Amino acid sequence: MENAPFIVFTGGEPALQLDSELIFELKKVNAEIAIETNGTLELPLGIDWICMSPKANTNIVITSGEEIKLSSHRQVLTRKNLRTWNFLIAIFSRWMDPFNNKILRKRSIIVKIIQCGN
């Protein structure tokens, strides 16, 4: 729908407030719903775009979505995670090699289309 609202929930941890009732009401006006979450809380059904920006040393419960953002202070990407997580796009930023956790000499932003999981 051309005039349908696109709503992004972010800031703090939006999964604390976003619930099925709110999603239901937004879907009545054909809203497209996105969230940027740290991945530590289960999400209600009906979210159209899930972006996870995980923090180190947390219990991650979200393992799939459309986008994952990782940076040097969020070094949570492991070979095991690559086998079990399922995200369409991975964005790596800051001064890190995302697969070896090594510091890079130049600041970089790497956007990579990946196929995680099975």
C-alpha atoms as a PDB file:
ATOM      1  CA  MET A   1       0.000   0.000   0.000  1.00  0.00           C
ATOM      2  CA  GLU A   2       1.541   3.280  -1.122  1.00  0.00           C
ATOM      3  CA  ASN A   3       0.611   5.431   1.906  1.00  0.00           C
ATOM      4  CA  ALA A   4       1.084   2.752   4.535  1.00  0.00           C
ATOM      5  CA  PRO A   5       3.206   3.853   7.490  1.00  0.00           C
ATOM      6  CA  PHE A   6       6.649   2.368   8.075  1.00  0.00           C
ATOM      7  CA  ILE A   7       7.355   2.278  11.813  1.00  0.00           C
ATOM      8  CA  VAL A   8      10.718   1.427  13.375  1.00  0.00           C
ATOM      9  CA  PHE A   9      10.898   0.604  17.079  1.00  0.00           C
ATOM     10  CA  THR A  10      14.337   1.333  18.547  1.00  0.00           C
ATOM     11  CA  GLY A  11      16.085   2.990  21.462  1.00  0.00           C
ATOM     12  CA  GLY A  12      16.618   1.393  24.813  1.00  0.00           C
ATOM     13  CA  GLU A  13      15.209  -2.086  24.297  1.00  0.00           C
ATOM     14  CA  PRO A  14      11.978  -1.766  22.312  1.00  0.00           C
ATOM     15  CA  ALA A  15      11.057  -5.410  22.855  1.00  0.00           C
ATOM     16  CA  LEU A  16      10.146  -4.414  26.418  1.00  0.00           C
ATOM     17  CA  GLN A  17       7.165  -2.404  25.119  1.00  0.00           C
ATOM     18  CA  LEU A  18       6.254  -3.916  21.750  1.00  0.00           C
ATOM     19  CA  ASP A  19       3.495  -6.481  22.148  1.00  0.00           C
ATOM     20  CA  SER A  20       0.989  -8.394  20.020  1.00  0.00           C
ATOM     21  CA  GLU A  21      -1.841  -5.960  20.796  1.00  0.00           C
ATOM     22  CA  LEU A  22       0.116  -2.960  19.478  1.00  0.00           C
ATOM     23  CA  ILE A  23       1.185  -4.897  16.372  1.00  0.00           C
ATOM     24  CA  PHE A  24      -2.447  -5.902  15.756  1.00  0.00           C
ATOM     25  CA  GLU A  25      -3.574  -2.261  15.935  1.00  0.00           C
ATOM     26  CA  LEU A  26      -0.788  -1.089  13.616  1.00  0.00           C
ATOM     27  CA  LYS A  27      -1.602  -3.813  11.091  1.00  0.00           C
ATOM     28  CA  LYS A  28      -5.170  -2.421  10.904  1.00  0.00           C
ATOM     29  CA  VAL A  29      -3.691   0.586   9.075  1.00  0.00           C
ATOM     30  CA  ASN A  30      -1.365  -1.662   7.020  1.00  0.00           C
ATOM     31  CA  ALA A  31       1.727  -0.473   8.856  1.00  0.00           C
ATOM     32  CA  GLU A  32       5.047  -2.104   8.093  1.00  0.00           C
ATOM     33  CA  ILE A  33       6.801  -2.749  11.401  1.00  0.00           C
ATOM     34  CA  ALA A  34      10.534  -2.922  12.045  1.00  0.00           C
ATOM     35  CA  ILE A  35      12.536  -3.289  15.251  1.00  0.00           C
ATOM     36  CA  GLU A  36      16.167  -2.904  16.242  1.00  0.00           C
ATOM     37  CA  THR A  37      16.701  -5.126  19.265  1.00  0.00           C
ATOM     38  CA  ASN A  38      19.629  -6.428  21.282  1.00  0.00           C
ATOM     39  CA  GLY A  39      18.199  -9.931  20.824  1.00  0.00           C
ATOM     40  CA  THR A  40      17.735 -10.820  24.482  1.00  0.00           C
ATOM     41  CA  LEU A  41      13.919 -10.970  24.519  1.00  0.00           C
ATOM     42  CA  GLU A  42      11.441 -13.008  22.487  1.00  0.00           C
ATOM     43  CA  LEU A  43       9.534 -10.938  19.937  1.00  0.00           C
ATOM     44  CA  PRO A  44       5.819 -11.068  19.142  1.00  0.00           C
ATOM     45  CA  LEU A  45       4.690 -12.269  15.723  1.00  0.00           C
ATOM     46  CA  GLY A  46       3.918  -9.773  12.997  1.00  0.00           C
ATOM     47  CA  ILE A  47       7.175  -7.797  12.841  1.00  0.00           C
ATOM     48  CA  ASP A  48       8.185  -7.290   9.211  1.00  0.00           C
ATOM     49  CA  TRP A  49      11.891  -6.423   9.658  1.00  0.00           C
ATOM     50  CA  ILE A  50      14.042  -7.594  12.577  1.00  0.00           C
ATOM     51  CA  CYS A  51      17.440  -6.025  13.058  1.00  0.00           C
ATOM     52  CA  MET A  52      19.529  -7.454  15.885  1.00  0.00           C
ATOM     53  CA  SER A  53      22.386  -5.495  17.374  1.00  0.00           C
ATOM     54  CA  PRO A  54      23.647  -7.916  20.033  1.00  0.00           C
ATOM     55  CA  LYS A  55      25.823  -7.003  22.982  1.00  0.00           C
ATOM     56  CA  ALA A  56      28.666  -9.156  24.308  1.00  0.00           C
ATOM     57  CA  ASN A  57      28.065 -11.246  27.424  1.00  0.00           C
ATOM     58  CA  THR A  58      24.280 -11.406  27.043  1.00  0.00           C
ATOM     59  CA  ASN A  59      21.899 -14.296  26.515  1.00  0.00           C
ATOM     60  CA  ILE A  60      20.800 -13.981  22.881  1.00  0.00           C
ATOM     61  CA  VAL A  61      17.402 -15.569  22.154  1.00  0.00           C
ATOM     62  CA  ILE A  62      16.752 -14.115  18.680  1.00  0.00           C
ATOM     63  CA  THR A  63      18.506 -16.253  16.073  1.00  0.00           C
ATOM     64  CA  SER A  64      16.881 -15.084  12.858  1.00  0.00           C
ATOM     65  CA  GLY A  65      15.791 -11.904  11.170  1.00  0.00           C
ATOM     66  CA  GLU A  66      16.610  -9.670   8.272  1.00  0.00           C
ATOM     67  CA  GLU A  67      19.674  -7.805   9.561  1.00  0.00           C
ATOM     68  CA  ILE A  68      22.400  -8.170  12.172  1.00  0.00           C
ATOM     69  CA  LYS A  69      24.777  -5.360  13.162  1.00  0.00           C
ATOM     70  CA  LEU A  70      28.112  -6.136  14.788  1.00  0.00           C
ATOM     71  CA  SER A  71      30.898  -3.834  15.867  1.00  0.00           C
ATOM     72  CA  SER A  72      34.147  -4.157  17.786  1.00  0.00           C
ATOM     73  CA  HIS A  73      32.566  -3.831  21.222  1.00  0.00           C
ATOM     74  CA  ARG A  74      29.941  -6.442  20.348  1.00  0.00           C
ATOM     75  CA  GLN A  75      32.168  -9.358  19.472  1.00  0.00           C
ATOM     76  CA  VAL A  76      29.560 -12.093  19.653  1.00  0.00           C
ATOM     77  CA  LEU A  77      30.004 -13.565  16.185  1.00  0.00           C
ATOM     78  CA  THR A  78      31.395 -17.075  16.387  1.00  0.00           C
ATOM     79  CA  ARG A  79      31.547 -19.911  13.918  1.00  0.00           C
ATOM     80  CA  LYS A  80      28.821 -21.653  15.938  1.00  0.00           C
ATOM     81  CA  ASN A  81      26.582 -18.575  15.659  1.00  0.00           C
ATOM     82  CA  LEU A  82      27.157 -18.463  11.908  1.00  0.00           C
ATOM     83  CA  ARG A  83      25.893 -22.038  11.668  1.00  0.00           C
ATOM     84  CA  THR A  84      22.807 -21.458  13.818  1.00  0.00           C
ATOM     85  CA  TRP A  85      21.792 -17.824  13.190  1.00  0.00           C
ATOM     86  CA  ASN A  86      19.733 -16.959  10.115  1.00  0.00           C
ATOM     87  CA  PHE A  87      19.973 -13.320   8.973  1.00  0.00           C
ATOM     88  CA  LEU A  88      19.822 -11.953   5.433  1.00  0.00           C
ATOM     89  CA  ILE A  89      22.235  -9.035   5.857  1.00  0.00           C
ATOM     90  CA  ALA A  90      25.186  -8.603   8.203  1.00  0.00           C
ATOM     91  CA  ILE A  91      26.703  -5.192   8.838  1.00  0.00           C
ATOM     92  CA  PHE A  92      30.145  -5.096  10.428  1.00  0.00           C
ATOM     93  CA  SER A  93      31.541  -1.756  11.520  1.00  0.00           C
ATOM     94  CA  ARG A  94      34.342  -0.152  13.465  1.00  0.00           C
ATOM     95  CA  TRP A  95      37.843  -1.584  13.506  1.00  0.00           C
ATOM     96  CA  MET A  96      37.299  -5.319  13.437  1.00  0.00           C
ATOM     97  CA  ASP A  97      37.621  -8.292  11.180  1.00  0.00           C
ATOM     98  CA  PRO A  98      34.243  -9.880  11.926  1.00  0.00           C
ATOM     99  CA  PHE A  99      35.388 -13.449  11.440  1.00  0.00           C
ATOM    100  CA  ASN A 100      38.707 -13.299  13.281  1.00  0.00           C
ATOM    101  CA  ASN A 101      38.016 -10.556  15.854  1.00  0.00           C
ATOM    102  CA  LYS A 102      41.248  -8.854  14.824  1.00  0.00           C
ATOM    103  CA  ILE A 103      41.639  -5.101  14.840  1.00  0.00           C
ATOM    104  CA  LEU A 104      41.875  -3.534  11.388  1.00  0.00           C
ATOM    105  CA  ARG A 105      44.158  -0.590  10.667  1.00  0.00           C
ATOM    106  CA  LYS A 106      41.514   1.480   8.940  1.00  0.00           C
ATOM    107  CA  ARG A 107      37.984   2.170  10.048  1.00  0.00           C
ATOM    108  CA  SER A 108      35.602   0.306   7.792  1.00  0.00           C
ATOM    109  CA  ILE A 109      31.988  -0.476   7.315  1.00  0.00           C
ATOM    110  CA  ILE A 110      31.397  -3.797   5.635  1.00  0.00           C
ATOM    111  CA  VAL A 111      27.987  -4.789   4.394  1.00  0.00           C
ATOM    112  CA  LYS A 112      27.844  -8.422   3.447  1.00  0.00           C
ATOM    113  CA  ILE A 113      24.976 -10.515   2.223  1.00  0.00           C
ATOM    114  CA  ILE A 114      25.268 -13.776   4.097  1.00  0.00           C
ATOM    115  CA  GLN A 115      23.408 -17.026   4.315  1.00  0.00           C
ATOM    116  CA  CYS A 116      23.565 -18.194   7.896  1.00  0.00           C
ATOM    117  CA  GLY A 117      22.160 -21.424   9.168  1.00  0.00           C
ATOM    118  CA  ASN A 118      20.945 -24.361   7.148  1.00  0.00           C
END
